[in-house]
């Protein structure tokens, strides 16, 4: 079985995104937003049948770990109540997709984070999504300010209540930022990769996993700059008097394969052991075009992994076993 650990609902029905715009306008005007629209099942089916479901079939992907569109989480928009309402309707929509296609999708939730609001206020939505909706994980934004980094590092005790809930529920988090308002950063081209790299460096400097040995974090987009500069991170760990990365970080941190060219995938697998790599494509996501050098979509990452001369056991880890280990609630649904 091939499990894609990184999928977003980027093709959500137009009524859903239109309501979000009305919600934002209402906040700015100081008025109450309109009720959330009724979206028929047929509209949901139409939104995924010709996109995610079709592409999964074409590319030989069996199951996608599916969450709301990352760039639309918009934790910097409005206040806590705005984020709470938006997270709830977005997660409910993911739950409807999963209910319609239980053998194709597993839900991951958006959190109602908001700048300056303690992260423990997001715990009730995490519990609702895991315990009531059957979700298998969450997306955790290390920068809800939208590119201004006003939150403490992920290793700060301010995050501990949320980590305690994650460990109790036995769910991982993908460390994933959202839209950026800082004009210095392009969202997908720099803000996302900056966040991936920043999160890893924060973890390197801390003893977070000594405090939370059961905590599991996925750093997406191939780990940002980390594999490419692995020697730098190993050297910094040594200079800072930290334990080797294999001991202090890599027992709890995993990278996906959302790297959109063969040399990048080759390097990822050369540097990072297969125990720490989960197959992912972010399809349909940040890079949707066709590579003129290959004639294939940039985000058809299975082609890159299939090219590698991996032993069968390692290939199984990357495509399925690691995902089941990192997301143990995947096995809760009979369809999976």
Protein backbone atom coordinates (compact mmCIF):
# COMPACT_ATOMS: atom_id res chain seq x y z
CA UNK A 1 0.00 0.00 0.00
CA UNK A 2 1.24 3.49 -0.84
CA UNK A 3 0.32 6.18 1.70
CA UNK A 4 0.82 9.87 0.90
CA UNK A 5 1.38 11.66 4.21
CA UNK A 6 0.97 15.18 2.81
CA UNK A 7 -2.25 16.17 1.06
CA UNK A 8 -4.31 19.36 1.29
CA UNK A 9 -7.87 20.08 0.20
CA UNK A 10 -6.82 22.71 -2.33
CA UNK A 11 -9.88 22.07 -4.48
CA UNK A 12 -12.54 22.70 -1.83
CA UNK A 13 -15.97 23.77 -3.12
CA UNK A 14 -16.31 27.42 -4.09
CA UNK A 15 -19.02 27.97 -1.46
CA UNK A 16 -16.52 27.10 1.28
CA UNK A 17 -13.91 29.63 0.19
CA UNK A 18 -16.58 32.25 -0.55
CA UNK A 19 -17.83 31.93 3.04
CA UNK A 20 -14.30 32.53 4.30
CA UNK A 21 -14.15 35.80 2.37
CA UNK A 22 -17.48 36.86 3.85
CA UNK A 23 -16.24 35.91 7.29
CA UNK A 24 -13.16 38.11 6.88
CA UNK A 25 -15.24 41.01 5.56
CA UNK A 26 -17.64 40.71 8.47
CA UNK A 27 -14.78 40.83 10.96
CA UNK A 28 -13.37 43.96 9.34
CA UNK A 29 -16.81 45.58 9.36
CA UNK A 30 -17.55 44.52 12.93
CA UNK A 31 -20.61 42.53 11.89
CA UNK A 32 -21.71 38.90 12.24
CA UNK A 33 -20.73 36.62 9.36
CA UNK A 34 -23.50 34.81 7.48
CA UNK A 35 -24.30 31.18 8.30
CA UNK A 36 -22.04 28.59 6.75
CA UNK A 37 -23.60 27.32 3.50
CA UNK A 38 -25.06 23.88 2.94
CA UNK A 39 -22.72 22.06 0.56
CA UNK A 40 -24.22 18.94 -1.07
CA UNK A 41 -22.24 15.70 -1.13
CA UNK A 42 -22.23 15.84 -4.92
CA UNK A 43 -20.25 19.09 -4.82
CA UNK A 44 -17.68 17.49 -2.56
CA UNK A 45 -17.43 14.47 -4.84
CA UNK A 46 -16.99 16.74 -7.87
CA UNK A 47 -14.25 18.67 -6.09
CA UNK A 48 -12.07 15.58 -5.56
CA UNK A 49 -13.09 13.08 -8.25
CA UNK A 50 -11.41 14.98 -11.10
CA UNK A 51 -8.44 16.12 -9.02
CA UNK A 52 -7.06 14.23 -6.01
CA UNK A 53 -8.88 10.94 -6.57
CA UNK A 54 -8.08 10.88 -10.29
CA UNK A 55 -4.42 11.75 -9.76
CA UNK A 56 -4.05 9.23 -6.95
CA UNK A 57 -5.33 6.52 -9.29
CA UNK A 58 -3.06 7.64 -12.11
CA UNK A 59 0.02 7.79 -9.88
CA UNK A 60 -0.66 4.63 -7.90
CA UNK A 61 -1.30 6.22 -4.51
CA UNK A 62 -3.75 4.32 -2.30
CA UNK A 63 -4.38 6.62 0.66
CA UNK A 64 -3.77 10.32 1.32
CA UNK A 65 -3.45 11.90 4.75
CA UNK A 66 -5.66 14.90 4.04
CA UNK A 67 -5.93 18.30 5.71
CA UNK A 68 -7.38 21.74 4.95
CA UNK A 69 -5.43 23.90 2.53
CA UNK A 70 -2.34 25.07 4.41
CA UNK A 71 -2.10 28.51 2.82
CA UNK A 72 -5.76 29.15 3.69
CA UNK A 73 -5.45 28.36 7.41
CA UNK A 74 -4.73 32.07 7.82
CA UNK A 75 -4.14 32.08 11.55
CA UNK A 76 -3.10 35.73 11.35
CA UNK A 77 -6.58 36.76 10.13
CA UNK A 78 -9.02 38.26 12.61
CA UNK A 79 -8.98 37.06 16.19
CA UNK A 80 -9.34 33.82 18.12
CA UNK A 81 -13.05 33.54 17.41
CA UNK A 82 -12.47 33.95 13.67
CA UNK A 83 -9.81 31.24 13.67
CA UNK A 84 -11.97 28.93 15.77
CA UNK A 85 -14.95 29.19 13.42
CA UNK A 86 -12.81 28.79 10.31
CA UNK A 87 -10.94 25.78 11.71
CA UNK A 88 -14.18 24.06 12.70
CA UNK A 89 -15.90 24.37 9.31
CA UNK A 90 -12.67 23.45 7.49
CA UNK A 91 -12.20 20.34 9.61
CA UNK A 92 -15.85 19.37 9.26
CA UNK A 93 -15.42 19.56 5.48
CA UNK A 94 -12.38 17.26 5.64
CA UNK A 95 -14.44 14.83 7.74
CA UNK A 96 -17.09 14.77 5.01
CA UNK A 97 -14.48 13.95 2.36
CA UNK A 98 -13.17 11.11 4.52
CA UNK A 99 -16.69 9.81 5.12
CA UNK A 100 -17.34 9.74 1.36
CA UNK A 101 -13.95 8.12 0.56
CA UNK A 102 -12.82 6.23 3.68
CA UNK A 103 -10.50 4.02 1.65
CA UNK A 104 -8.85 7.03 -0.01
CA UNK A 105 -8.44 9.69 2.69
CA UNK A 106 -7.56 10.03 6.38
CA UNK A 107 -8.20 13.34 8.11
CA UNK A 108 -5.68 15.72 9.64
CA UNK A 109 -6.97 18.85 11.36
CA UNK A 110 -6.33 22.55 11.14
CA UNK A 111 -5.94 24.20 14.53
CA UNK A 112 -7.64 27.43 15.66
CA UNK A 113 -4.34 29.14 16.37
CA UNK A 114 -4.21 32.92 16.63
CA UNK A 115 -1.27 35.26 17.40
CA UNK A 116 -0.77 35.76 21.11
CA UNK A 117 -3.36 33.15 22.08
CA UNK A 118 -2.01 30.28 24.23
CA UNK A 119 -1.72 27.07 22.25
CA UNK A 120 -3.67 25.13 24.88
CA UNK A 121 -6.78 26.89 23.56
CA UNK A 122 -6.39 24.71 20.45
CA UNK A 123 -6.59 21.47 22.42
CA UNK A 124 -10.41 21.17 22.39
CA UNK A 125 -10.48 21.26 18.58
CA UNK A 126 -7.69 18.69 18.42
CA UNK A 127 -9.66 16.42 20.75
CA UNK A 128 -12.88 16.91 18.79
CA UNK A 129 -11.20 16.04 15.51
CA UNK A 130 -9.40 12.97 16.86
CA UNK A 131 -12.03 11.57 19.20
CA UNK A 132 -15.21 12.51 17.34
CA UNK A 133 -14.17 12.84 13.68
CA UNK A 134 -11.56 10.08 13.65
CA UNK A 135 -8.66 12.24 12.49
CA UNK A 136 -5.12 10.87 12.67
CA UNK A 137 -3.07 14.01 13.30
CA UNK A 138 -2.87 17.79 13.08
CA UNK A 139 -1.03 20.59 11.32
CA UNK A 140 0.84 22.75 13.82
CA UNK A 141 1.79 26.28 12.75
CA UNK A 142 5.02 27.50 14.41
CA UNK A 143 4.28 31.05 13.16
CA UNK A 144 0.60 32.01 13.38
CA UNK A 145 1.60 35.66 12.89
CA UNK A 146 1.99 35.09 9.14
CA UNK A 147 5.72 35.55 8.69
CA UNK A 148 6.68 37.81 11.59
CA UNK A 149 7.61 35.05 14.06
CA UNK A 150 6.11 36.52 17.21
CA UNK A 151 5.56 33.12 18.86
CA UNK A 152 8.15 31.44 21.10
CA UNK A 153 10.20 28.59 19.62
CA UNK A 154 8.49 25.20 19.34
CA UNK A 155 10.72 24.02 22.19
CA UNK A 156 9.45 26.64 24.64
CA UNK A 157 7.35 25.36 27.58
CA UNK A 158 4.47 27.47 26.26
CA UNK A 159 3.84 24.66 23.75
CA UNK A 160 4.01 21.86 26.33
CA UNK A 161 0.27 21.60 27.11
CA UNK A 162 -0.42 20.91 23.46
CA UNK A 163 2.34 18.33 23.24
CA UNK A 164 0.92 16.59 26.30
CA UNK A 165 -2.43 16.32 24.52
CA UNK A 166 -0.77 15.00 21.35
CA UNK A 167 1.05 12.30 23.29
CA UNK A 168 -2.10 11.35 25.18
CA UNK A 169 -4.07 11.07 21.93
CA UNK A 170 -1.13 9.34 20.19
CA UNK A 171 -1.18 11.64 17.18
CA UNK A 172 1.67 13.42 15.38
CA UNK A 173 1.84 16.96 14.07
CA UNK A 174 3.08 18.15 10.72
CA UNK A 175 4.92 21.42 11.35
CA UNK A 176 3.32 23.55 8.65
CA UNK A 177 3.04 27.31 8.35
CA UNK A 178 0.24 29.09 6.50
CA UNK A 179 0.01 32.23 4.40
CA UNK A 180 2.60 34.97 4.83
CA UNK A 181 2.00 38.70 5.14
CA UNK A 182 5.67 39.69 5.30
CA UNK A 183 6.53 40.90 1.77
CA UNK A 184 10.09 39.63 2.10
CA UNK A 185 8.91 36.04 1.74
CA UNK A 186 7.17 34.14 -1.01
CA UNK A 187 4.82 31.67 0.69
CA UNK A 188 5.76 28.39 -1.01
CA UNK A 189 9.22 29.41 -2.22
CA UNK A 190 10.73 30.76 0.98
CA UNK A 191 8.31 31.04 3.93
CA UNK A 192 7.49 27.32 3.97
CA UNK A 193 11.09 26.22 3.56
CA UNK A 194 12.32 28.79 6.09
CA UNK A 195 9.86 27.41 8.63
CA UNK A 196 10.91 23.81 8.01
CA UNK A 197 14.56 24.68 8.51
CA UNK A 198 13.87 26.90 11.52
CA UNK A 199 11.82 24.22 13.26
CA UNK A 200 14.61 21.66 12.86
CA UNK A 201 17.22 24.05 14.27
CA UNK A 202 15.00 24.77 17.27
CA UNK A 203 14.70 21.05 17.93
CA UNK A 204 18.46 20.60 17.59
CA UNK A 205 19.06 23.17 20.33
CA UNK A 206 16.67 21.62 22.84
CA UNK A 207 15.92 18.58 24.95
CA UNK A 208 12.27 18.54 23.88
CA UNK A 209 12.21 14.84 23.14
CA UNK A 210 13.74 14.00 26.49
CA UNK A 211 10.72 15.69 28.03
CA UNK A 212 8.32 14.18 25.47
CA UNK A 213 9.82 10.91 24.21
CA UNK A 214 6.51 9.94 22.59
CA UNK A 215 6.12 13.16 20.59
CA UNK A 216 6.29 12.78 16.81
CA UNK A 217 6.76 15.66 14.36
CA UNK A 218 6.83 15.63 10.56
CA UNK A 219 8.84 18.38 8.91
CA UNK A 220 7.46 18.68 5.37
CA UNK A 221 8.91 19.66 2.02
CA UNK A 222 11.81 17.27 2.42
CA UNK A 223 12.93 18.99 5.62
CA UNK A 224 13.55 22.35 3.98
CA UNK A 225 17.30 23.02 3.82
CA UNK A 226 18.17 20.40 6.42
CA UNK A 227 19.27 17.42 4.29
CA UNK A 228 21.20 19.66 1.92
CA UNK A 229 23.12 21.19 4.85
CA UNK A 230 23.28 18.09 7.04
CA UNK A 231 26.97 18.63 7.73
CA UNK A 232 26.26 22.14 8.98
CA UNK A 233 23.62 20.87 11.42
CA UNK A 234 25.84 18.05 12.63
CA UNK A 235 28.66 20.53 13.12
CA UNK A 236 26.45 23.02 14.94
CA UNK A 237 25.24 20.30 17.26
CA UNK A 238 28.86 19.50 18.08
CA UNK A 239 29.78 23.16 18.58
CA UNK A 240 26.80 23.75 20.84
CA UNK A 241 27.63 20.72 22.96
CA UNK A 242 24.49 18.93 21.85
CA UNK A 243 24.18 15.16 21.44
CA UNK A 244 24.44 13.71 17.91
CA UNK A 245 21.32 14.37 15.87
CA UNK A 246 20.55 10.68 15.64
CA UNK A 247 20.22 10.58 19.43
CA UNK A 248 18.54 13.91 20.21
CA UNK A 249 16.23 14.58 17.24
CA UNK A 250 15.84 11.85 14.67
CA UNK A 251 14.05 9.38 16.93
CA UNK A 252 11.05 11.73 16.85
CA UNK A 253 11.32 13.76 13.62
CA UNK A 254 10.43 12.67 10.11
CA UNK A 255 10.71 14.23 6.65
CA UNK A 256 8.42 13.75 3.67
CA UNK A 257 9.34 13.37 -0.02
CA UNK A 258 7.81 16.65 -1.23
CA UNK A 259 10.95 17.43 -3.20
CA UNK A 260 10.27 18.05 -6.85
CA UNK A 261 13.26 16.79 -8.78
CA UNK A 262 15.28 13.60 -8.90
CA UNK A 263 18.60 14.99 -7.60
CA UNK A 264 16.80 16.38 -4.55
CA UNK A 265 15.20 13.03 -3.78
CA UNK A 266 18.53 11.29 -4.34
CA UNK A 267 20.19 13.59 -1.81
CA UNK A 268 17.36 13.21 0.71
CA UNK A 269 17.73 9.43 0.68
CA UNK A 270 21.53 9.56 0.67
CA UNK A 271 21.58 11.71 3.81
CA UNK A 272 18.48 10.74 5.79
CA UNK A 273 17.86 7.09 6.60
CA UNK A 274 14.69 5.46 5.35
CA UNK A 275 13.44 5.06 8.93
CA UNK A 276 12.82 8.82 8.95
CA UNK A 277 11.26 9.36 5.50
CA UNK A 278 7.55 9.23 4.71
CA UNK A 279 6.26 9.31 1.16
CA UNK A 280 4.45 12.56 0.40
CA UNK A 281 3.56 14.62 -2.65
CA UNK A 282 1.53 17.65 -1.44
CA UNK A 283 -0.68 16.97 -4.46
CA UNK A 284 -2.53 19.09 -5.53
CA UNK A 285 -0.34 21.73 -3.94
CA UNK A 286 2.31 24.37 -4.29
CA UNK A 287 3.89 23.21 -7.56
CA UNK A 288 1.35 21.98 -10.09
CA UNK A 289 3.04 22.33 -13.46
CA UNK A 290 4.77 19.86 -15.75
CA UNK A 291 8.55 19.73 -15.71
CA UNK A 292 9.69 20.48 -19.29
CA UNK A 293 12.80 18.37 -18.71
CA UNK A 294 10.86 15.19 -17.90
CA UNK A 295 7.38 15.73 -19.29
CA UNK A 296 5.89 14.73 -15.93
CA UNK A 297 4.31 16.76 -13.16
CA UNK A 298 6.79 18.16 -10.67
CA UNK A 299 4.69 16.82 -7.77
CA UNK A 300 4.49 13.26 -9.09
CA UNK A 301 6.99 12.28 -6.42
CA UNK A 302 6.38 8.56 -6.69
CA UNK A 303 8.36 8.58 -9.95
CA UNK A 304 11.41 9.87 -8.13
CA UNK A 305 11.18 7.35 -5.29
CA UNK A 306 10.55 4.45 -7.69
CA UNK A 307 13.77 5.34 -9.53
CA UNK A 308 15.86 4.70 -6.41
CA UNK A 309 17.48 1.30 -6.02
CA UNK A 310 15.99 0.65 -2.60
CA UNK A 311 15.78 -2.75 -0.95
CA UNK A 312 12.19 -3.94 -0.74
CA UNK A 313 12.15 -3.52 3.03
CA UNK A 314 13.23 0.13 2.79
CA UNK A 315 10.76 0.85 0.01
CA UNK A 316 8.00 -0.60 2.19
CA UNK A 317 9.04 1.64 5.07
CA UNK A 318 8.87 4.80 2.99
CA UNK A 319 5.62 3.97 1.21
CA UNK A 320 3.63 2.47 4.08
CA UNK A 321 5.23 1.21 7.27
CA UNK A 322 6.63 4.53 8.47
CA UNK A 323 3.30 6.27 7.94
CA UNK A 324 1.52 3.62 10.01
CA UNK A 325 4.15 3.98 12.74
CA UNK A 326 3.98 7.78 12.82
CA UNK A 327 0.18 7.90 12.39
CA UNK A 328 -0.94 4.85 14.40
CA UNK A 329 -4.59 5.93 14.19
CA UNK A 330 -4.50 5.14 10.48
CA UNK A 331 -5.25 1.56 11.47
CA UNK A 332 -8.40 2.51 13.38
CA UNK A 333 -10.61 2.58 10.27
CA UNK A 334 -11.46 -0.83 8.78
CA UNK A 335 -11.15 0.58 5.25
CA UNK A 336 -7.45 1.19 5.89
